């Protein structure tokens, strides 16, 4: 008999693996910036993005014009976080297009093992 790969994990292990009830969600962000942005305006935009859209909501961001947003520390980003980041970016001069992905498992990807197992 082949042992099942799906088995009940202890609460402690689920927390360490960030699965099941400890799954953490985040979302992808992709933007296209105007080619006419000066280096100074580019740097200013990123600084304001981090301070006003990310840190102000207790989020963390990794990447560049294609990146990923999660909750800073433990926890999940929310639908409200997604919409706030989208709205902030769309309101900025020099941002030509914004795509914000759906909430997905921040540790294991969209088809990750975030189910209770």
Protein backbone atom coordinates (compact mmCIF):
# COMPACT_ATOMS: atom_id res chain seq x y z
CA UNK A 1 0.00 0.00 0.00
CA UNK A 2 1.36 3.47 -0.97
CA UNK A 3 1.14 6.00 1.86
CA UNK A 4 -1.04 8.99 1.12
CA UNK A 5 0.81 12.23 0.40
CA UNK A 6 -2.13 14.13 1.88
CA UNK A 7 -2.18 13.89 5.61
CA UNK A 8 -3.27 16.00 8.54
CA UNK A 9 -0.51 18.31 9.70
CA UNK A 10 -0.19 19.57 13.23
CA UNK A 11 -1.07 23.17 13.95
CA UNK A 12 2.59 23.95 14.60
CA UNK A 13 3.69 22.49 11.25
CA UNK A 14 0.90 24.31 9.35
CA UNK A 15 2.10 27.56 10.93
CA UNK A 16 5.74 26.91 9.99
CA UNK A 17 4.80 25.97 6.42
CA UNK A 18 2.25 28.80 6.15
CA UNK A 19 -0.49 26.51 4.88
CA UNK A 20 -4.11 25.89 5.75
CA UNK A 21 -5.38 28.33 8.35
CA UNK A 22 -1.92 30.01 8.35
CA UNK A 23 -1.81 30.66 4.60
CA UNK A 24 -0.70 34.20 3.73
CA UNK A 25 -2.04 36.05 0.71
CA UNK A 26 -0.51 38.70 -1.49
CA UNK A 27 -0.91 40.03 -5.02
CA UNK A 28 1.15 40.81 -8.09
CA UNK A 29 1.48 44.36 -9.37
CA UNK A 30 2.63 45.30 -12.84
CA UNK A 31 2.93 48.81 -14.14
CA UNK A 32 4.12 50.62 -17.20
CA UNK A 33 5.77 53.97 -16.66
CA UNK A 34 6.04 56.82 -19.11
CA UNK A 35 9.31 56.83 -21.03
CA UNK A 36 9.43 60.58 -20.54
CA UNK A 37 9.93 60.32 -16.76
CA UNK A 38 13.21 61.87 -15.70
CA UNK A 39 15.49 59.89 -13.39
CA UNK A 40 14.55 62.21 -10.54
CA UNK A 41 10.79 61.79 -11.19
CA UNK A 42 11.28 58.00 -11.42
CA UNK A 43 13.07 57.92 -8.06
CA UNK A 44 10.47 60.22 -6.50
CA UNK A 45 7.60 58.04 -7.74
CA UNK A 46 9.13 54.91 -6.20
CA UNK A 47 9.85 56.65 -2.90
CA UNK A 48 6.27 57.94 -2.69
CA UNK A 49 4.89 54.52 -3.68
CA UNK A 50 6.75 52.80 -0.87
CA UNK A 51 5.84 55.41 1.76
CA UNK A 52 2.23 56.22 0.79
CA UNK A 53 0.87 53.05 -0.81
CA UNK A 54 2.93 50.28 0.81
CA UNK A 55 4.24 51.23 4.26
CA UNK A 56 1.15 53.31 5.09
CA UNK A 57 -0.92 50.10 4.85
CA UNK A 58 1.66 47.94 6.68
CA UNK A 59 2.53 46.11 3.45
CA UNK A 60 5.81 44.97 1.90
CA UNK A 61 6.77 45.13 -1.77
CA UNK A 62 9.38 43.21 -3.71
CA UNK A 63 10.29 43.78 -7.33
CA UNK A 64 10.34 46.65 -9.75
CA UNK A 65 7.77 47.48 -12.38
CA UNK A 66 6.62 43.87 -11.95
CA UNK A 67 6.48 43.02 -8.27
CA UNK A 68 4.56 41.37 -5.45
CA UNK A 69 2.82 42.87 -2.42
CA UNK A 70 2.32 41.08 0.90
CA UNK A 71 1.54 42.04 4.48
CA UNK A 72 4.66 43.22 6.34
CA UNK A 73 5.32 40.50 8.91
CA UNK A 74 2.79 37.71 9.33
CA UNK A 75 -0.67 37.99 7.85
CA UNK A 76 -2.33 38.53 4.51
CA UNK A 77 -2.93 41.42 2.19
CA UNK A 78 -6.63 42.12 1.67
CA UNK A 79 -8.96 43.10 -1.15
CA UNK A 80 -8.97 46.60 0.34
CA UNK A 81 -5.15 46.65 0.08
CA UNK A 82 -5.35 45.60 -3.58
CA UNK A 83 -7.80 48.35 -4.42
CA UNK A 84 -5.87 51.00 -2.46
CA UNK A 85 -2.59 50.14 -4.22
CA UNK A 86 -4.33 50.13 -7.61
CA UNK A 87 -6.04 53.47 -6.97
CA UNK A 88 -2.84 55.09 -5.71
CA UNK A 89 -0.83 53.97 -8.73
CA UNK A 90 -3.52 54.94 -11.24
CA UNK A 91 -3.63 58.46 -9.75
CA UNK A 92 0.11 59.06 -10.25
CA UNK A 93 1.44 61.12 -13.13
CA UNK A 94 3.89 59.10 -15.19
CA UNK A 95 2.09 55.78 -14.62
CA UNK A 96 0.56 54.77 -17.95
CA UNK A 97 -0.92 51.36 -17.06
CA UNK A 98 -1.46 49.32 -13.89
CA UNK A 99 -2.38 45.67 -13.49
CA UNK A 100 -3.10 44.29 -10.03
CA UNK A 101 -3.50 40.54 -9.80
CA UNK A 102 -5.90 38.59 -7.58
CA UNK A 103 -5.03 37.57 -4.05
CA UNK A 104 -2.93 34.43 -4.15
CA UNK A 105 -0.82 32.32 -1.83
CA UNK A 106 2.27 34.44 -1.14
CA UNK A 107 4.48 31.48 -0.22
CA UNK A 108 3.37 28.70 -2.53
CA UNK A 109 2.02 30.50 -5.60
CA UNK A 110 -1.46 30.50 -7.08
CA UNK A 111 -1.72 26.72 -7.16
CA UNK A 112 0.29 26.24 -3.97
CA UNK A 113 -0.32 23.92 -1.07
CA UNK A 114 -2.22 26.47 0.96
CA UNK A 115 -5.06 24.07 1.66
CA UNK A 116 -5.66 22.51 5.01
CA UNK A 117 -3.59 19.39 4.79
